[in-house]
Amino acid sequence: MAVTVNDSCIACGACESICSEVFSIEDKAVVNDTAVADNIDSVKEAADACPVGAIEVE
């Protein structure tokens, strides 16, 4: 499963607060690809919670 953060990210920190194993905030959210498979439910929750829809889960 591929998870990306597009350029609309505002670095609000919502994703990191929901799933810090996968997301961290720098200039925008950064994805730890190696942790996605073990945290997929939280990744989907973070994507749903993103206020600008910047997290893309494929």
C-alpha atoms as a PDB file:
ATOM      1  CA  MET A   1       0.000   0.000   0.000  1.00  0.00           C
ATOM      2  CA  ALA A   2       1.360   3.391  -0.983  1.00  0.00           C
ATOM      3  CA  VAL A   3       0.846   6.464   1.191  1.00  0.00           C
ATOM      4  CA  THR A   4       1.815   9.917  -0.042  1.00  0.00           C
ATOM      5  CA  VAL A   5       1.328  13.457   1.190  1.00  0.00           C
ATOM      6  CA  ASN A   6       0.590  15.979  -1.535  1.00  0.00           C
ATOM      7  CA  ASP A   7       1.565  19.650  -1.647  1.00  0.00           C
ATOM      8  CA  SER A   8      -1.701  20.832  -0.087  1.00  0.00           C
ATOM      9  CA  CYS A   9      -0.373  19.700   3.330  1.00  0.00           C
ATOM     10  CA  ILE A  10      -0.472  22.539   5.879  1.00  0.00           C
ATOM     11  CA  ALA A  11       1.613  20.679   8.499  1.00  0.00           C
ATOM     12  CA  CYS A  12      -1.191  20.903  11.068  1.00  0.00           C
ATOM     13  CA  GLY A  13      -0.016  17.777  12.886  1.00  0.00           C
ATOM     14  CA  ALA A  14      -3.336  15.914  12.881  1.00  0.00           C
ATOM     15  CA  CYS A  15      -1.857  12.879  11.131  1.00  0.00           C
ATOM     16  CA  GLU A  16       1.108  12.749  13.472  1.00  0.00           C
ATOM     17  CA  SER A  17      -1.158  12.913  16.531  1.00  0.00           C
ATOM     18  CA  ILE A  18      -3.208   9.981  15.179  1.00  0.00           C
ATOM     19  CA  CYS A  19      -0.328   7.840  13.877  1.00  0.00           C
ATOM     20  CA  SER A  20       3.124   9.020  14.913  1.00  0.00           C
ATOM     21  CA  GLU A  21       4.608   5.670  13.860  1.00  0.00           C
ATOM     22  CA  VAL A  22       4.009   6.629  10.218  1.00  0.00           C
ATOM     23  CA  PHE A  23       3.719  10.421  10.069  1.00  0.00           C
ATOM     24  CA  SER A  24       6.080  13.131  11.225  1.00  0.00           C
ATOM     25  CA  ILE A  25       5.899  16.853  10.547  1.00  0.00           C
ATOM     26  CA  GLU A  26       8.766  18.729   8.939  1.00  0.00           C
ATOM     27  CA  ASP A  27       7.924  21.397   6.336  1.00  0.00           C
ATOM     28  CA  LYS A  28       4.999  19.100   5.586  1.00  0.00           C
ATOM     29  CA  ALA A  29       4.018  15.642   6.743  1.00  0.00           C
ATOM     30  CA  VAL A  30       6.573  12.931   5.991  1.00  0.00           C
ATOM     31  CA  VAL A  31       5.673   9.241   5.671  1.00  0.00           C
ATOM     32  CA  ASN A  32       7.714   6.427   7.226  1.00  0.00           C
ATOM     33  CA  ASP A  33       6.993   3.855   4.504  1.00  0.00           C
ATOM     34  CA  THR A  34       8.370   0.940   6.502  1.00  0.00           C
ATOM     35  CA  ALA A  35       5.698   1.405   9.203  1.00  0.00           C
ATOM     36  CA  VAL A  36       2.647   1.715   6.938  1.00  0.00           C
ATOM     37  CA  ALA A  37       1.726  -1.993   6.707  1.00  0.00           C
ATOM     38  CA  ASP A  38       1.672  -2.466  10.477  1.00  0.00           C
ATOM     39  CA  ASN A  39      -0.436   0.657  11.046  1.00  0.00           C
ATOM     40  CA  ILE A  40      -2.828   0.716   8.094  1.00  0.00           C
ATOM     41  CA  ASP A  41      -5.992   1.333  10.136  1.00  0.00           C
ATOM     42  CA  SER A  42      -4.406   4.370  11.801  1.00  0.00           C
ATOM     43  CA  VAL A  43      -3.086   5.582   8.447  1.00  0.00           C
ATOM     44  CA  LYS A  44      -6.603   5.499   7.011  1.00  0.00           C
ATOM     45  CA  GLU A  45      -7.938   7.298  10.089  1.00  0.00           C
ATOM     46  CA  ALA A  46      -5.273   9.992   9.664  1.00  0.00           C
ATOM     47  CA  ALA A  47      -6.125  10.377   5.983  1.00  0.00           C
ATOM     48  CA  ASP A  48      -9.804  10.818   6.850  1.00  0.00           C
ATOM     49  CA  ALA A  49      -8.935  13.380   9.533  1.00  0.00           C
ATOM     50  CA  CYS A  50      -6.673  15.496   7.323  1.00  0.00           C
ATOM     51  CA  PRO A  51      -8.396  18.900   7.047  1.00  0.00           C
ATOM     52  CA  VAL A  52      -7.097  19.522   3.519  1.00  0.00           C
ATOM     53  CA  GLY A  53      -7.164  15.951   2.173  1.00  0.00           C
ATOM     54  CA  ALA A  54      -3.408  15.885   1.639  1.00  0.00           C
ATOM     55  CA  ILE A  55      -2.889  12.211   2.542  1.00  0.00           C
ATOM     56  CA  GLU A  56      -3.374   9.823  -0.351  1.00  0.00           C
ATOM     57  CA  VAL A  57      -3.701   6.096   0.381  1.00  0.00           C
ATOM     58  CA  GLU A  58      -3.550   3.762  -2.621  1.00  0.00           C
END
